[in-house]
């Protein structure tokens, strides 16, 4: 186990280049199962979630290698034999003995490491006609339904049987369909996109998620041979084919990481330049941060955050308390809610933060209160933040990726020394974050955590 030790209160300076989008990398790696040909993916962040997905794919027989820094080569040609072998072992575990069919499955111990393990359901079902999926893991930020995935596969003709594990079968192959998602689930949209791309005919996905990472996956699938119309909207039309090919693809920059660095600059009064962004992905982020008094400007493909800003919450019309609320794209991203809340602790005034998507996302706020923040947790979905408050260094634990990053930002602006434990959570989503922060002048070290014995 490791921890971060931070000496806060230091003004930072310099430029940083964001890593590739974590939430695009995971489905794009899963898409390797759709073809026997090679995928070459560039700008891949070397983070724990990516390594976990690579391990699952390798277990399935996909040949995966880092061909260069940030570049992965994947080939699933040899996965057919591996899937058949594991399918024989899975017959005894399936709810009805498998009825004589090979049922590809995933090692449950690997699946529980990341939520994104369930992204393999679509490719495996489309390619093999059956799959037995163990429960996925992931952040404990609230209930995260699998029903949109299962309902969509059922609409496409799959038989779905739920138990501890989920058996899905389409003996005659999936059928092109008109799919309506009961919520704009990102992962469900990605699963259906991948399955539909390998299903000959036209599949329509209504109420689809349209986040930048969903768009990035769609662009890769087009390169592989699918015809996808409506990319960036909530209505996707997929003209699939029976065989997809290889492709080369470069991941877009991670807009969540960019937002994290923008908030870091605001909280520490620093001037930072974030390079090579996609400005269209930042409209809601910049708008919400402006409401907290953080001004940014675009210079070509860079975002510049001027230093020494005095943050002040902008009230709503009629002098009502300002409000920050996340939502499906193109609204403010839920993954930045924790970051925005941390930024609000340094802004003059009060703001209501409404995280309506996940009921446990705001539970970590007690740790910021321990550091000196003025936060009233109204209920699992709403918190009122009043600032600015001088934060002080404390010993805290990271419960999930984004809360961990929010506490890291708080520690960097706090007076004194902070320690953050369970930093493996932060490493799941932010590549070499301590090294990159040190290039900006941050005083942060990664040290071994001494074991605690009862």
Protein backbone atom coordinates (compact mmCIF):
# COMPACT_ATOMS: atom_id res chain seq x y z
CA UNK A 1 0.00 0.00 0.00
CA UNK A 2 1.13 3.54 -0.75
CA UNK A 3 0.06 7.01 0.29
CA UNK A 4 0.63 10.57 -0.87
CA UNK A 5 2.36 13.01 1.46
CA UNK A 6 1.64 16.63 0.47
CA UNK A 7 2.95 19.94 1.73
CA UNK A 8 0.19 22.33 0.70
CA UNK A 9 -0.13 26.04 0.22
CA UNK A 10 2.29 26.22 -2.72
CA UNK A 11 1.50 28.22 -5.85
CA UNK A 12 2.06 26.15 -8.98
CA UNK A 13 3.10 27.18 -12.46
CA UNK A 14 3.64 25.64 -15.86
CA UNK A 15 1.86 23.57 -18.47
CA UNK A 16 0.47 20.07 -18.53
CA UNK A 17 -0.74 17.79 -21.31
CA UNK A 18 -3.82 15.73 -20.45
CA UNK A 19 -3.75 11.97 -20.80
CA UNK A 20 -6.04 10.09 -23.13
CA UNK A 21 -9.64 9.66 -22.04
CA UNK A 22 -9.85 6.82 -19.49
CA UNK A 23 -13.54 6.24 -20.14
CA UNK A 24 -12.89 5.95 -23.87
CA UNK A 25 -9.91 3.65 -23.45
CA UNK A 26 -11.86 0.90 -21.68
CA UNK A 27 -14.63 0.29 -24.28
CA UNK A 28 -12.16 0.78 -27.11
CA UNK A 29 -9.94 -1.96 -25.67
CA UNK A 30 -13.03 -4.17 -25.33
CA UNK A 31 -13.74 -3.58 -29.03
CA UNK A 32 -10.64 -5.62 -29.88
CA UNK A 33 -12.84 -8.73 -29.38
CA UNK A 34 -14.95 -7.72 -32.39
CA UNK A 35 -12.28 -8.58 -34.96
CA UNK A 36 -9.44 -10.99 -35.71
CA UNK A 37 -7.39 -8.12 -37.08
CA UNK A 38 -5.07 -5.84 -35.13
CA UNK A 39 -6.10 -2.66 -33.38
CA UNK A 40 -3.46 -0.02 -32.69
CA UNK A 41 -4.58 2.49 -30.07
CA UNK A 42 -2.53 5.58 -29.26
CA UNK A 43 -2.60 8.04 -26.34
CA UNK A 44 -3.68 5.28 -23.95
CA UNK A 45 -3.30 6.30 -20.28
CA UNK A 46 -1.23 3.80 -18.31
CA UNK A 47 -3.52 3.64 -15.31
CA UNK A 48 -4.75 0.84 -13.09
CA UNK A 49 -8.17 0.50 -14.77
CA UNK A 50 -6.52 0.13 -18.18
CA UNK A 51 -4.10 -2.46 -16.80
CA UNK A 52 -7.05 -4.36 -15.31
CA UNK A 53 -8.86 -4.41 -18.66
CA UNK A 54 -5.67 -5.56 -20.40
CA UNK A 55 -5.37 -8.42 -17.90
CA UNK A 56 -8.94 -9.56 -18.62
CA UNK A 57 -8.39 -9.40 -22.38
CA UNK A 58 -5.13 -11.34 -22.09
CA UNK A 59 -6.94 -13.96 -19.99
CA UNK A 60 -9.46 -14.29 -22.84
CA UNK A 61 -6.62 -14.92 -25.28
CA UNK A 62 -6.20 -11.46 -26.80
CA UNK A 63 -2.61 -10.64 -27.61
CA UNK A 64 -1.90 -7.26 -26.01
CA UNK A 65 1.38 -5.36 -25.96
CA UNK A 66 2.64 -1.84 -25.35
CA UNK A 67 4.27 -1.18 -28.73
CA UNK A 68 5.43 2.31 -27.67
CA UNK A 69 4.78 4.70 -24.76
CA UNK A 70 1.03 5.25 -24.68
CA UNK A 71 0.41 2.91 -27.62
CA UNK A 72 -1.27 -0.50 -27.39
CA UNK A 73 -1.49 -3.21 -30.03
CA UNK A 74 -4.29 -5.74 -29.64
CA UNK A 75 -5.17 -8.82 -31.67
CA UNK A 76 -7.99 -11.21 -30.73
CA UNK A 77 -7.31 -13.80 -33.43
CA UNK A 78 -6.19 -16.38 -30.88
CA UNK A 79 -9.08 -15.63 -28.55
CA UNK A 80 -11.46 -18.00 -30.36
CA UNK A 81 -9.75 -21.13 -29.01
CA UNK A 82 -9.44 -19.61 -25.56
CA UNK A 83 -13.12 -18.68 -25.48
CA UNK A 84 -14.11 -22.20 -26.47
CA UNK A 85 -11.87 -23.69 -23.78
CA UNK A 86 -13.27 -21.43 -21.06
CA UNK A 87 -16.76 -22.02 -22.38
CA UNK A 88 -16.45 -25.74 -21.61
CA UNK A 89 -15.48 -24.91 -18.04
CA UNK A 90 -18.39 -22.48 -17.77
CA UNK A 91 -21.04 -25.05 -18.68
CA UNK A 92 -21.25 -26.28 -15.10
CA UNK A 93 -21.59 -22.73 -13.75
CA UNK A 94 -24.35 -21.56 -16.07
CA UNK A 95 -27.89 -21.57 -14.60
CA UNK A 96 -29.07 -24.51 -16.74
CA UNK A 97 -25.84 -26.30 -17.53
CA UNK A 98 -25.47 -24.39 -20.76
CA UNK A 99 -27.78 -26.71 -22.71
CA UNK A 100 -24.81 -28.07 -24.60
CA UNK A 101 -23.45 -24.74 -25.84
CA UNK A 102 -20.03 -23.29 -25.25
CA UNK A 103 -20.58 -20.24 -23.05
CA UNK A 104 -17.67 -17.78 -23.01
CA UNK A 105 -17.12 -16.26 -19.60
CA UNK A 106 -14.68 -14.12 -17.63
CA UNK A 107 -12.76 -14.96 -14.49
CA UNK A 108 -14.94 -13.49 -11.69
CA UNK A 109 -11.85 -12.38 -9.75
CA UNK A 110 -10.77 -10.26 -12.72
CA UNK A 111 -14.26 -8.96 -13.46
CA UNK A 112 -14.77 -7.62 -9.96
CA UNK A 113 -11.75 -5.34 -10.27
CA UNK A 114 -13.46 -2.86 -12.59
CA UNK A 115 -16.97 -1.85 -13.55
CA UNK A 116 -15.91 -1.78 -17.20
CA UNK A 117 -15.52 -5.57 -17.26
CA UNK A 118 -19.21 -5.64 -18.25
CA UNK A 119 -18.29 -3.88 -21.50
CA UNK A 120 -17.10 -7.26 -22.75
CA UNK A 121 -20.69 -8.57 -22.76
CA UNK A 122 -21.64 -6.92 -26.06
CA UNK A 123 -18.58 -8.03 -28.06
CA UNK A 124 -18.66 -11.59 -26.66
CA UNK A 125 -22.41 -12.00 -27.20
CA UNK A 126 -22.22 -10.65 -30.76
CA UNK A 127 -19.22 -12.78 -31.65
CA UNK A 128 -19.96 -16.03 -29.82
CA UNK A 129 -23.73 -16.05 -29.49
CA UNK A 130 -23.54 -16.56 -25.74
CA UNK A 131 -21.78 -15.18 -22.69
CA UNK A 132 -21.85 -15.77 -18.94
CA UNK A 133 -21.00 -12.51 -17.16
CA UNK A 134 -19.92 -12.34 -13.51
CA UNK A 135 -20.84 -9.26 -11.46
CA UNK A 136 -18.64 -6.25 -12.31
CA UNK A 137 -16.73 -4.24 -9.73
CA UNK A 138 -16.15 -0.49 -9.65
CA UNK A 139 -16.44 2.56 -7.42
CA UNK A 140 -18.96 2.39 -4.58
CA UNK A 141 -20.69 5.65 -5.46
CA UNK A 142 -24.24 4.35 -5.52
CA UNK A 143 -26.38 1.86 -7.37
CA UNK A 144 -25.33 1.39 -10.98
CA UNK A 145 -27.96 -0.56 -12.91
CA UNK A 146 -27.26 -3.26 -15.46
CA UNK A 147 -30.89 -3.32 -16.64
CA UNK A 148 -30.35 -0.95 -19.61
CA UNK A 149 -27.70 -3.36 -20.98
CA UNK A 150 -29.86 -6.45 -20.45
CA UNK A 151 -33.05 -4.89 -21.82
CA UNK A 152 -31.18 -3.78 -24.94
CA UNK A 153 -29.70 -7.23 -25.56
CA UNK A 154 -33.15 -8.77 -25.05
CA UNK A 155 -34.56 -6.34 -27.63
CA UNK A 156 -31.87 -7.59 -30.03
CA UNK A 157 -33.09 -11.15 -29.53
CA UNK A 158 -30.90 -12.43 -26.70
CA UNK A 159 -32.27 -14.67 -23.98
CA UNK A 160 -31.23 -13.21 -20.62
CA UNK A 161 -31.23 -15.18 -17.36
CA UNK A 162 -30.14 -13.44 -14.18
CA UNK A 163 -28.64 -15.05 -11.11
CA UNK A 164 -25.40 -14.41 -9.30
CA UNK A 165 -23.99 -14.45 -12.83
CA UNK A 166 -25.88 -13.35 -15.93
CA UNK A 167 -26.32 -15.76 -18.81
CA UNK A 168 -27.09 -14.26 -22.22
CA UNK A 169 -27.62 -16.33 -25.36
CA UNK A 170 -28.49 -15.62 -28.95
CA UNK A 171 -28.11 -19.03 -30.65
CA UNK A 172 -29.09 -17.66 -34.03
CA UNK A 173 -27.17 -14.42 -33.58
CA UNK A 174 -28.37 -11.01 -32.53
CA UNK A 175 -30.96 -9.25 -34.66
CA UNK A 176 -30.86 -5.61 -35.78
CA UNK A 177 -33.47 -3.80 -33.71
CA UNK A 178 -34.95 -0.52 -32.54
CA UNK A 179 -33.49 -0.19 -29.04
CA UNK A 180 -34.74 2.28 -26.46
CA UNK A 181 -32.62 2.77 -23.33
CA UNK A 182 -34.67 3.64 -20.23
CA UNK A 183 -31.80 5.90 -19.15
CA UNK A 184 -28.93 7.36 -21.21
CA UNK A 185 -26.42 4.93 -19.72
CA UNK A 186 -22.90 5.42 -21.07
CA UNK A 187 -21.81 1.80 -20.73
CA UNK A 188 -25.11 0.41 -22.03
CA UNK A 189 -24.83 2.65 -25.09
CA UNK A 190 -21.27 1.45 -25.64
CA UNK A 191 -22.24 -2.20 -25.22
CA UNK A 192 -25.07 -1.89 -27.75
CA UNK A 193 -22.87 0.07 -30.16
CA UNK A 194 -20.28 -2.71 -30.17
CA UNK A 195 -22.85 -5.52 -30.47
CA UNK A 196 -24.78 -3.72 -33.22
CA UNK A 197 -21.60 -3.03 -35.21
CA UNK A 198 -21.08 -6.78 -35.58
CA UNK A 199 -24.76 -7.49 -36.30
CA UNK A 200 -25.68 -7.23 -40.00
CA UNK A 201 -28.52 -4.78 -40.57
CA UNK A 202 -29.64 -1.50 -39.07
CA UNK A 203 -29.96 -1.01 -35.32
CA UNK A 204 -31.35 2.23 -33.90
CA UNK A 205 -30.36 3.29 -30.37
CA UNK A 206 -32.72 5.83 -28.84
CA UNK A 207 -32.00 7.85 -25.66
CA UNK A 208 -28.35 7.00 -26.20
CA UNK A 209 -25.58 8.52 -24.15
CA UNK A 210 -23.48 10.95 -26.17
CA UNK A 211 -20.50 11.74 -23.91
CA UNK A 212 -17.13 12.38 -25.60
CA UNK A 213 -15.95 8.86 -24.75
CA UNK A 214 -19.03 7.34 -26.41
CA UNK A 215 -18.29 9.44 -29.49
CA UNK A 216 -14.68 8.24 -29.48
CA UNK A 217 -15.76 4.59 -29.43
CA UNK A 218 -18.18 5.24 -32.28
CA UNK A 219 -15.42 6.82 -34.35
CA UNK A 220 -13.25 3.73 -33.86
CA UNK A 221 -16.10 1.39 -34.85
CA UNK A 222 -16.58 3.39 -38.06
CA UNK A 223 -12.89 2.88 -38.83
CA UNK A 224 -13.41 -0.85 -38.25
CA UNK A 225 -16.18 -0.98 -40.86
CA UNK A 226 -19.47 -0.08 -39.17
CA UNK A 227 -21.64 2.76 -40.45
CA UNK A 228 -22.79 4.90 -37.50
CA UNK A 229 -24.94 7.98 -38.00
CA UNK A 230 -25.79 10.54 -35.32
CA UNK A 231 -22.49 10.46 -33.43
CA UNK A 232 -22.70 13.10 -30.69
CA UNK A 233 -26.51 12.90 -30.46
CA UNK A 234 -28.90 10.73 -28.45
CA UNK A 235 -30.16 8.96 -31.57
CA UNK A 236 -27.66 6.56 -33.11
CA UNK A 237 -28.23 4.54 -36.26
CA UNK A 238 -25.81 1.63 -36.66
CA UNK A 239 -25.50 -0.27 -39.92
CA UNK A 240 -23.56 -3.32 -38.78
CA UNK A 241 -21.77 -6.00 -40.73
CA UNK A 242 -20.80 -9.61 -40.15
CA UNK A 243 -17.09 -8.90 -40.05
CA UNK A 244 -15.11 -5.93 -38.75
CA UNK A 245 -11.49 -5.10 -39.52
CA UNK A 246 -8.50 -3.66 -37.75
CA UNK A 247 -7.83 0.03 -37.33
CA UNK A 248 -5.54 2.68 -35.90
CA UNK A 249 -7.01 5.19 -33.50
CA UNK A 250 -5.83 7.96 -31.17
CA UNK A 251 -7.79 8.58 -27.99
CA UNK A 252 -9.11 12.07 -27.40
CA UNK A 253 -7.81 13.98 -24.35
CA UNK A 254 -9.59 13.30 -21.06
CA UNK A 255 -11.95 16.21 -20.39
CA UNK A 256 -12.36 15.04 -16.77
CA UNK A 257 -8.62 15.29 -16.19
CA UNK A 258 -8.59 18.70 -17.89
CA UNK A 259 -11.34 19.89 -15.54
CA UNK A 260 -9.36 18.57 -12.58
CA UNK A 261 -6.30 20.61 -13.57
CA UNK A 262 -8.46 23.71 -14.13
CA UNK A 263 -9.84 23.37 -10.60
CA UNK A 264 -6.33 22.80 -9.23
CA UNK A 265 -5.22 26.13 -10.71
CA UNK A 266 -8.19 27.93 -9.19
CA UNK A 267 -7.81 26.40 -5.73
CA UNK A 268 -4.09 27.15 -5.49
CA UNK A 269 -4.19 30.57 -7.19
CA UNK A 270 -1.88 29.24 -9.89
CA UNK A 271 -1.48 30.01 -13.56
CA UNK A 272 -1.62 26.79 -15.55
CA UNK A 273 -1.77 26.04 -19.23
CA UNK A 274 -3.50 22.79 -20.21
CA UNK A 275 -2.36 21.84 -23.67
CA UNK A 276 -3.93 20.06 -26.63
CA UNK A 277 -7.55 19.98 -25.45
CA UNK A 278 -10.75 19.62 -27.47
CA UNK A 279 -12.57 22.87 -26.66
CA UNK A 280 -16.02 21.55 -27.60
CA UNK A 281 -15.75 18.99 -24.78
CA UNK A 282 -15.25 21.73 -22.17
CA UNK A 283 -18.23 24.04 -22.69
CA UNK A 284 -20.25 22.86 -19.68
CA UNK A 285 -17.14 22.55 -17.52
CA UNK A 286 -15.98 26.09 -18.22
CA UNK A 287 -19.52 27.44 -17.75
CA UNK A 288 -19.93 25.83 -14.31
CA UNK A 289 -16.46 26.87 -13.17
CA UNK A 290 -17.28 30.43 -14.26
CA UNK A 291 -20.22 30.34 -11.84
CA UNK A 292 -17.68 29.67 -9.09
CA UNK A 293 -15.60 32.63 -10.26
CA UNK A 294 -12.91 30.67 -12.10
CA UNK A 295 -12.16 32.38 -15.40
CA UNK A 296 -10.42 30.51 -18.19
CA UNK A 297 -9.67 31.32 -21.78
CA UNK A 298 -8.98 29.32 -24.89
CA UNK A 299 -5.77 29.97 -26.80
CA UNK A 300 -5.86 27.78 -29.87
CA UNK A 301 -6.11 24.22 -28.56
CA UNK A 302 -4.91 25.19 -25.06
CA UNK A 303 -6.84 26.26 -21.99
CA UNK A 304 -5.14 28.95 -19.92
CA UNK A 305 -6.16 29.46 -16.30
CA UNK A 306 -4.78 32.86 -15.16
CA UNK A 307 -3.23 32.93 -11.73
CA UNK A 308 -4.20 34.86 -8.62
CA UNK A 309 -7.96 34.79 -9.23
CA UNK A 310 -10.39 35.73 -6.48
CA UNK A 311 -13.14 33.15 -6.70
CA UNK A 312 -16.67 34.31 -6.03
CA UNK A 313 -19.89 32.34 -6.48
CA UNK A 314 -22.33 33.93 -8.91
CA UNK A 315 -25.86 33.95 -7.53
CA UNK A 316 -28.76 32.91 -9.71
CA UNK A 317 -31.17 35.57 -11.02
CA UNK A 318 -33.18 37.16 -8.22
CA UNK A 319 -30.21 36.76 -5.88
CA UNK A 320 -31.06 33.12 -5.27
CA UNK A 321 -28.35 30.69 -4.16
CA UNK A 322 -26.32 29.42 -7.09
CA UNK A 323 -26.62 25.79 -8.07
CA UNK A 324 -24.33 23.24 -9.68
CA UNK A 325 -26.02 20.13 -11.03
CA UNK A 326 -24.59 17.32 -13.11
CA UNK A 327 -26.44 15.41 -15.80
CA UNK A 328 -26.12 13.40 -19.01
CA UNK A 329 -23.99 14.97 -21.72
CA UNK A 330 -23.84 17.76 -22.72
CA UNK A 331 -24.63 18.78 -19.13
CA UNK A 332 -21.93 19.11 -16.48
CA UNK A 333 -20.20 15.70 -16.09
CA UNK A 334 -20.98 13.70 -12.95
CA UNK A 335 -17.31 12.71 -12.73
CA UNK A 336 -16.43 16.36 -12.07
CA UNK A 337 -18.99 16.96 -9.31
CA UNK A 338 -16.53 16.07 -6.54
CA UNK A 339 -13.93 18.34 -8.15
CA UNK A 340 -16.37 21.27 -8.47
CA UNK A 341 -17.38 20.83 -4.82
CA UNK A 342 -13.74 21.04 -3.73
CA UNK A 343 -13.27 24.18 -5.88
CA UNK A 344 -16.35 25.74 -4.24
CA UNK A 345 -14.67 25.56 -0.81
CA UNK A 346 -12.33 28.31 -2.02
CA UNK A 347 -15.02 30.55 -3.54
CA UNK A 348 -16.73 33.41 -1.72
CA UNK A 349 -20.41 32.71 -1.18
CA UNK A 350 -22.67 29.68 -0.96
CA UNK A 351 -23.60 27.21 -3.66
CA UNK A 352 -25.86 24.15 -3.78
CA UNK A 353 -24.21 21.10 -5.35
CA UNK A 354 -26.79 18.61 -6.63
CA UNK A 355 -25.43 15.21 -7.63
CA UNK A 356 -28.61 13.49 -8.77
CA UNK A 357 -27.03 10.49 -10.51
CA UNK A 358 -25.23 8.60 -7.72
CA UNK A 359 -26.44 8.57 -4.14
CA UNK A 360 -23.03 7.93 -2.55
CA UNK A 361 -20.93 10.37 -4.57
CA UNK A 362 -21.05 13.14 -1.93
CA UNK A 363 -20.43 10.97 1.12
CA UNK A 364 -16.73 11.87 1.05
CA UNK A 365 -17.50 15.49 2.00
CA UNK A 366 -16.95 14.67 5.68
CA UNK A 367 -13.25 14.42 4.86
CA UNK A 368 -13.22 17.95 3.44
CA UNK A 369 -15.06 19.13 6.56
CA UNK A 370 -12.27 17.58 8.63
CA UNK A 371 -9.85 19.72 6.62
CA UNK A 372 -11.84 22.86 7.50
CA UNK A 373 -14.40 23.13 4.72
CA UNK A 374 -17.88 24.49 5.46
CA UNK A 375 -20.17 21.90 3.87
CA UNK A 376 -23.69 20.92 4.90
CA UNK A 377 -24.68 17.54 3.48
CA UNK A 378 -28.44 17.96 3.08
CA UNK A 379 -29.09 14.41 1.87
CA UNK A 380 -27.17 11.83 -0.22
CA UNK A 381 -27.61 13.93 -3.36
CA UNK A 382 -27.24 17.55 -2.20
CA UNK A 383 -24.67 19.61 -0.35
CA UNK A 384 -24.37 23.32 0.39
CA UNK A 385 -20.81 24.65 0.28
CA UNK A 386 -19.91 28.03 1.78
CA UNK A 387 -16.50 29.60 1.28
CA UNK A 388 -13.85 30.61 1.13
CA UNK A 389 -12.37 28.53 3.93
CA UNK A 390 -8.72 28.01 4.74
CA UNK A 391 -8.11 24.31 4.64
CA UNK A 392 -5.62 22.54 6.89
CA UNK A 393 -3.60 19.42 6.24
CA UNK A 394 -5.10 16.17 7.54
CA UNK A 395 -4.83 12.39 7.17
CA UNK A 396 -7.62 11.12 4.89
CA UNK A 397 -8.45 8.05 2.78
CA UNK A 398 -9.50 8.03 -0.87
CA UNK A 399 -12.86 6.22 -1.27
CA UNK A 400 -13.04 6.43 -5.10
CA UNK A 401 -11.25 7.94 -8.08
CA UNK A 402 -12.90 11.37 -8.22
CA UNK A 403 -13.28 11.90 -4.46
CA UNK A 404 -9.61 10.98 -4.13
CA UNK A 405 -8.67 13.62 -6.68
CA UNK A 406 -10.87 16.19 -4.96
CA UNK A 407 -9.07 15.53 -1.67
CA UNK A 408 -5.72 15.74 -3.43
CA UNK A 409 -6.64 19.19 -4.77
CA UNK A 410 -7.76 20.22 -1.28
CA UNK A 411 -4.47 19.01 0.19
CA UNK A 412 -2.47 21.00 -2.37
CA UNK A 413 -4.20 24.24 -1.36
CA UNK A 414 -4.30 23.48 2.38
CA UNK A 415 -1.89 24.84 4.96
CA UNK A 416 0.48 22.23 6.31
CA UNK A 417 1.01 18.55 5.69
CA UNK A 418 -1.60 16.12 4.42
CA UNK A 419 -1.53 12.39 3.92
CA UNK A 420 -3.89 10.60 1.53
CA UNK A 421 -4.21 6.84 1.86
CA UNK A 422 -5.68 4.26 -0.50
CA UNK A 423 -4.20 6.13 -3.45
CA UNK A 424 -4.65 3.11 -5.67
CA UNK A 425 -8.12 4.58 -6.24
CA UNK A 426 -6.60 7.76 -7.66
CA UNK A 427 -4.14 5.73 -9.75
CA UNK A 428 -7.11 4.00 -11.37
CA UNK A 429 -7.97 7.19 -13.25
CA UNK A 430 -4.97 9.57 -13.22
CA UNK A 431 -1.69 8.59 -14.84
CA UNK A 432 1.45 9.30 -12.76
CA UNK A 433 -0.38 12.19 -11.12
CA UNK A 434 2.30 12.78 -8.47
CA UNK A 435 5.10 13.00 -11.04
CA UNK A 436 3.13 15.38 -13.23
CA UNK A 437 2.20 17.60 -10.27
CA UNK A 438 5.84 17.84 -9.23
CA UNK A 439 6.72 19.28 -12.67
CA UNK A 440 4.32 22.12 -11.79
CA UNK A 441 6.03 22.75 -8.47
CA UNK A 442 3.81 20.70 -6.16
CA UNK A 443 5.36 19.22 -3.04
CA UNK A 444 4.01 15.70 -3.21
CA UNK A 445 5.65 12.37 -2.56
CA UNK A 446 4.49 8.79 -2.96
CA UNK A 447 5.65 6.74 0.01
CA UNK A 448 5.02 3.24 1.34
CA UNK A 449 2.15 2.98 3.80
CA UNK A 450 3.22 1.35 7.05
CA UNK A 451 0.96 -1.60 7.91
CA UNK A 452 -1.37 -1.15 10.86
CA UNK A 453 -1.79 -4.14 13.14
CA UNK A 454 -4.76 -4.56 15.44
